Amino acid sequence: MRIQERVLIPSSQDQVWDFVWQTERLAACLPGCARVETVEPGRVYRAQMVDQIGPFRIEAEMQITIEEVSAPDHIRLRAVGKDNRLGATQRIALDIRLTSTSEKETSLDVTGDVEVLGKVASLGQFAIKRKMNDVVRQFGQNIRAACSQGARAPDA
């Protein structure tokens, strides 16, 4: 299923790009991300995702691979994970694009394809898509809030 979200962030494109590469801060913006670990900086990460979709509590170990980077405006990544308890598998391919709309504002566009297999898939595509859209929307809003706070911080 396809997901899309656009968020306007009141920070320069360079500031948003720098934020995106601060793994712990970025992971804190992702709803359900309980832990993130850098395996190979700028390339491979592991994350533990915990979330509720309908009656199912999903706890998936995700392997995240950065497939393409074009600084300071594009990242393509792939995430694959499995909840062994539920037998649920997730595959996510995301494109993240940053576009400067002004000196102090950046458009963050997230598009991707999500595949969910196993018991969770029994909820149907509509319920899963709604949940994924909610997660991506909240993720964007959290990045906006975090970057806004950073933009207001005094210079060191």
C-alpha atoms as a PDB file:
ATOM      1  CA  MET A   1       0.000   0.000   0.000  1.00  0.00           C
ATOM      2  CA  ARG A   2       1.161   3.536  -0.761  1.00  0.00           C
ATOM      3  CA  ILE A   3       1.589   6.244   1.889  1.00  0.00           C
ATOM      4  CA  GLN A   4       2.281   9.947   1.451  1.00  0.00           C
ATOM      5  CA  GLU A   5       2.722  12.871   3.810  1.00  0.00           C
ATOM      6  CA  ARG A   6       3.971  16.455   3.471  1.00  0.00           C
ATOM      7  CA  VAL A   7       4.974  18.558   6.459  1.00  0.00           C
ATOM      8  CA  LEU A   8       6.213  22.143   6.393  1.00  0.00           C
ATOM      9  CA  ILE A   9       9.003  22.656   8.922  1.00  0.00           C
ATOM     10  CA  PRO A  10       9.943  26.156  10.113  1.00  0.00           C
ATOM     11  CA  SER A  11      13.697  25.557   9.715  1.00  0.00           C
ATOM     12  CA  SER A  12      16.174  25.820   6.865  1.00  0.00           C
ATOM     13  CA  GLN A  13      16.759  22.790   4.665  1.00  0.00           C
ATOM     14  CA  ASP A  14      20.296  22.410   6.056  1.00  0.00           C
ATOM     15  CA  GLN A  15      18.961  22.401   9.639  1.00  0.00           C
ATOM     16  CA  VAL A  16      16.341  19.771   8.800  1.00  0.00           C
ATOM     17  CA  TRP A  17      18.934  17.662   6.944  1.00  0.00           C
ATOM     18  CA  ASP A  18      21.242  17.795   9.968  1.00  0.00           C
ATOM     19  CA  PHE A  19      18.363  16.775  12.232  1.00  0.00           C
ATOM     20  CA  VAL A  20      17.459  13.789  10.041  1.00  0.00           C
ATOM     21  CA  TRP A  21      20.997  12.390  10.547  1.00  0.00           C
ATOM     22  CA  GLN A  22      20.829  12.605  14.359  1.00  0.00           C
ATOM     23  CA  THR A  23      19.631   9.027  14.724  1.00  0.00           C
ATOM     24  CA  GLU A  24      18.471   9.120  18.349  1.00  0.00           C
ATOM     25  CA  ARG A  25      16.601  12.427  17.935  1.00  0.00           C
ATOM     26  CA  LEU A  26      14.958  11.251  14.719  1.00  0.00           C
ATOM     27  CA  ALA A  27      13.988   7.892  16.274  1.00  0.00           C
ATOM     28  CA  ALA A  28      12.389   9.750  19.196  1.00  0.00           C
ATOM     29  CA  CYS A  29      10.042  11.352  16.651  1.00  0.00           C
ATOM     30  CA  LEU A  30       8.848   8.010  15.266  1.00  0.00           C
ATOM     31  CA  PRO A  31       5.746   6.749  17.091  1.00  0.00           C
ATOM     32  CA  GLY A  32       6.351   3.253  18.448  1.00  0.00           C
ATOM     33  CA  CYS A  33      10.138   3.325  18.172  1.00  0.00           C
ATOM     34  CA  ALA A  34      11.316   1.881  21.485  1.00  0.00           C
ATOM     35  CA  ARG A  35      15.012   1.650  20.621  1.00  0.00           C
ATOM     36  CA  VAL A  36      17.420   2.349  17.776  1.00  0.00           C
ATOM     37  CA  GLU A  37      20.960   1.096  17.311  1.00  0.00           C
ATOM     38  CA  THR A  38      23.517   2.179  14.732  1.00  0.00           C
ATOM     39  CA  VAL A  39      25.079  -0.829  13.019  1.00  0.00           C
ATOM     40  CA  GLU A  40      26.952   1.102  10.320  1.00  0.00           C
ATOM     41  CA  PRO A  41      26.675   4.925  10.572  1.00  0.00           C
ATOM     42  CA  GLY A  42      24.781   6.463   7.676  1.00  0.00           C
ATOM     43  CA  ARG A  43      24.014   3.035   6.245  1.00  0.00           C
ATOM     44  CA  VAL A  44      22.480   0.358   8.512  1.00  0.00           C
ATOM     45  CA  TYR A  45      20.399   0.591  11.702  1.00  0.00           C
ATOM     46  CA  ARG A  46      18.321  -1.716  13.898  1.00  0.00           C
ATOM     47  CA  ALA A  47      15.194  -0.548  15.665  1.00  0.00           C
ATOM     48  CA  GLN A  48      12.614  -2.077  17.943  1.00  0.00           C
ATOM     49  CA  MET A  49       9.098  -1.004  17.054  1.00  0.00           C
ATOM     50  CA  VAL A  50       6.202  -1.492  19.448  1.00  0.00           C
ATOM     51  CA  ASP A  51       2.688  -0.511  18.402  1.00  0.00           C
ATOM     52  CA  GLN A  52      -0.959  -1.455  18.509  1.00  0.00           C
ATOM     53  CA  ILE A  53      -2.954  -2.123  15.343  1.00  0.00           C
ATOM     54  CA  GLY A  54      -6.507  -3.073  16.138  1.00  0.00           C
ATOM     55  CA  PRO A  55      -6.404  -5.959  18.655  1.00  0.00           C
ATOM     56  CA  PHE A  56      -2.782  -6.789  17.835  1.00  0.00           C
ATOM     57  CA  ARG A  57       0.248  -5.563  19.778  1.00  0.00           C
ATOM     58  CA  ILE A  58       3.195  -5.681  17.422  1.00  0.00           C
ATOM     59  CA  GLU A  59       6.790  -5.885  18.630  1.00  0.00           C
ATOM     60  CA  ALA A  60       9.041  -6.007  15.591  1.00  0.00           C
ATOM     61  CA  GLU A  61      12.792  -5.907  15.253  1.00  0.00           C
ATOM     62  CA  MET A  62      13.462  -3.814  12.154  1.00  0.00           C
ATOM     63  CA  GLN A  63      16.579  -3.761   9.980  1.00  0.00           C
ATOM     64  CA  ILE A  64      16.826  -0.356   8.273  1.00  0.00           C
ATOM     65  CA  THR A  65      19.116   0.103   5.295  1.00  0.00           C
ATOM     66  CA  ILE A  66      19.835   3.471   3.700  1.00  0.00           C
ATOM     67  CA  GLU A  67      19.824   2.695  -0.016  1.00  0.00           C
ATOM     68  CA  GLU A  68      20.479   6.126  -1.486  1.00  0.00           C
ATOM     69  CA  VAL A  69      21.478   9.546  -0.185  1.00  0.00           C
ATOM     70  CA  SER A  70      21.656  12.786  -2.096  1.00  0.00           C
ATOM     71  CA  ALA A  71      22.542  15.523   0.404  1.00  0.00           C
ATOM     72  CA  PRO A  72      20.811  17.707   1.397  1.00  0.00           C
ATOM     73  CA  ASP A  73      17.520  16.721  -0.165  1.00  0.00           C
ATOM     74  CA  HIS A  74      16.857  12.992  -0.582  1.00  0.00           C
ATOM     75  CA  ILE A  75      17.087   9.712   1.316  1.00  0.00           C
ATOM     76  CA  ARG A  76      15.757   6.355   0.172  1.00  0.00           C
ATOM     77  CA  LEU A  77      15.556   3.613   2.761  1.00  0.00           C
ATOM     78  CA  ARG A  78      14.208   0.138   3.223  1.00  0.00           C
ATOM     79  CA  ALA A  79      13.067  -1.371   6.509  1.00  0.00           C
ATOM     80  CA  VAL A  80      12.260  -5.035   7.051  1.00  0.00           C
ATOM     81  CA  GLY A  81      11.102  -6.561  10.290  1.00  0.00           C
ATOM     82  CA  LYS A  82       9.241  -9.388  11.909  1.00  0.00           C
ATOM     83  CA  ASP A  83       7.215  -9.974  15.032  1.00  0.00           C
ATOM     84  CA  ASN A  84       7.973 -13.651  15.703  1.00  0.00           C
ATOM     85  CA  ARG A  85       5.207 -13.959  18.295  1.00  0.00           C
ATOM     86  CA  LEU A  86       2.505 -12.927  15.784  1.00  0.00           C
ATOM     87  CA  GLY A  87       4.273 -14.192  12.688  1.00  0.00           C
ATOM     88  CA  ALA A  88       3.822 -10.711  11.227  1.00  0.00           C
ATOM     89  CA  THR A  89       6.279  -9.344   8.685  1.00  0.00           C
ATOM     90  CA  GLN A  90       6.653  -5.708   7.626  1.00  0.00           C
ATOM     91  CA  ARG A  91       8.450  -4.373   4.569  1.00  0.00           C
ATOM     92  CA  ILE A  92       8.717  -0.641   4.094  1.00  0.00           C
ATOM     93  CA  ALA A  93      10.339   1.338   1.279  1.00  0.00           C
ATOM     94  CA  LEU A  94      10.480   5.090   1.937  1.00  0.00           C
ATOM     95  CA  ASP A  95      11.608   8.143   0.034  1.00  0.00           C
ATOM     96  CA  ILE A  96      12.216  11.255   2.113  1.00  0.00           C
ATOM     97  CA  ARG A  97      12.625  14.520   0.208  1.00  0.00           C
ATOM     98  CA  LEU A  98      13.490  17.915   1.599  1.00  0.00           C
ATOM     99  CA  THR A  99      12.727  21.030  -0.428  1.00  0.00           C
ATOM    100  CA  SER A 100      13.463  24.561   0.669  1.00  0.00           C
ATOM    101  CA  THR A 101      10.317  26.688   0.396  1.00  0.00           C
ATOM    102  CA  SER A 102      12.060  29.756   1.863  1.00  0.00           C
ATOM    103  CA  GLU A 103      15.165  30.596   3.912  1.00  0.00           C
ATOM    104  CA  LYS A 104      13.369  29.522   7.070  1.00  0.00           C
ATOM    105  CA  GLU A 105      10.982  26.812   5.879  1.00  0.00           C
ATOM    106  CA  THR A 106      11.446  23.325   4.433  1.00  0.00           C
ATOM    107  CA  SER A 107       8.950  20.908   2.970  1.00  0.00           C
ATOM    108  CA  LEU A 108       9.491  17.335   4.191  1.00  0.00           C
ATOM    109  CA  ASP A 109       7.807  14.870   1.841  1.00  0.00           C
ATOM    110  CA  VAL A 110       7.563  11.200   2.782  1.00  0.00           C
ATOM    111  CA  THR A 111       6.303   8.687   0.236  1.00  0.00           C
ATOM    112  CA  GLY A 112       6.522   4.964   0.475  1.00  0.00           C
ATOM    113  CA  ASP A 113       5.196   1.504   0.028  1.00  0.00           C
ATOM    114  CA  VAL A 114       4.289  -0.649   2.999  1.00  0.00           C
ATOM    115  CA  GLU A 115       3.618  -4.373   3.022  1.00  0.00           C
ATOM    116  CA  VAL A 116       2.271  -6.155   6.100  1.00  0.00           C
ATOM    117  CA  LEU A 117       1.905  -9.933   6.140  1.00  0.00           C
ATOM    118  CA  GLY A 118       0.684 -12.420   8.750  1.00  0.00           C
ATOM    119  CA  LYS A 119      -2.142 -12.227  11.292  1.00  0.00           C
ATOM    120  CA  VAL A 120      -2.141  -8.432  11.278  1.00  0.00           C
ATOM    121  CA  ALA A 121      -2.989  -8.448   7.573  1.00  0.00           C
ATOM    122  CA  SER A 122      -6.357  -9.996   8.513  1.00  0.00           C
ATOM    123  CA  LEU A 123      -7.420  -6.501   9.649  1.00  0.00           C
ATOM    124  CA  GLY A 124      -7.539  -5.515   5.991  1.00  0.00           C
ATOM    125  CA  GLN A 125      -5.691  -2.960   3.931  1.00  0.00           C
ATOM    126  CA  PHE A 126      -7.924  -0.050   4.942  1.00  0.00           C
ATOM    127  CA  ALA A 127      -7.212  -0.447   8.674  1.00  0.00           C
ATOM    128  CA  ILE A 128      -3.489  -0.972   8.119  1.00  0.00           C
ATOM    129  CA  LYS A 129      -3.237   1.972   5.713  1.00  0.00           C
ATOM    130  CA  ARG A 130      -5.072   4.233   8.171  1.00  0.00           C
ATOM    131  CA  LYS A 131      -2.657   3.211  10.942  1.00  0.00           C
ATOM    132  CA  MET A 132       0.415   3.698   8.735  1.00  0.00           C
ATOM    133  CA  ASN A 133      -0.832   7.118   7.581  1.00  0.00           C
ATOM    134  CA  ASP A 134      -1.380   8.107  11.220  1.00  0.00           C
ATOM    135  CA  VAL A 135       2.165   7.020  12.136  1.00  0.00           C
ATOM    136  CA  VAL A 136       3.725   8.915   9.207  1.00  0.00           C
ATOM    137  CA  ARG A 137       1.621  12.021   9.933  1.00  0.00           C
ATOM    138  CA  GLN A 138       2.614  12.005  13.617  1.00  0.00           C
ATOM    139  CA  PHE A 139       6.246  11.377  12.669  1.00  0.00           C
ATOM    140  CA  GLY A 140       6.216  14.476  10.453  1.00  0.00           C
ATOM    141  CA  GLN A 141       4.541  16.580  13.138  1.00  0.00           C
ATOM    142  CA  ASN A 142       7.075  15.390  15.718  1.00  0.00           C
ATOM    143  CA  ILE A 143       9.968  16.316  13.401  1.00  0.00           C
ATOM    144  CA  ARG A 144       8.359  19.725  12.877  1.00  0.00           C
ATOM    145  CA  ALA A 145       8.092  20.260  16.646  1.00  0.00           C
ATOM    146  CA  ALA A 146      11.650  19.052  17.330  1.00  0.00           C
ATOM    147  CA  CYS A 147      13.150  21.217  14.581  1.00  0.00           C
ATOM    148  CA  SER A 148      11.091  24.208  15.742  1.00  0.00           C
ATOM    149  CA  GLN A 149      12.504  23.825  19.254  1.00  0.00           C
ATOM    150  CA  GLY A 150      16.017  23.554  17.838  1.00  0.00           C
ATOM    151  CA  ALA A 151      15.514  26.684  15.721  1.00  0.00           C
ATOM    152  CA  ARG A 152      14.556  28.677  18.821  1.00  0.00           C
ATOM    153  CA  ALA A 153      17.487  27.425  20.897  1.00  0.00           C
ATOM    154  CA  PRO A 154      20.166  30.025  21.607  1.00  0.00           C
ATOM    155  CA  ASP A 155      23.497  29.704  19.803  1.00  0.00           C
ATOM    156  CA  ALA A 156      26.193  27.967  21.832  1.00  0.00           C
END
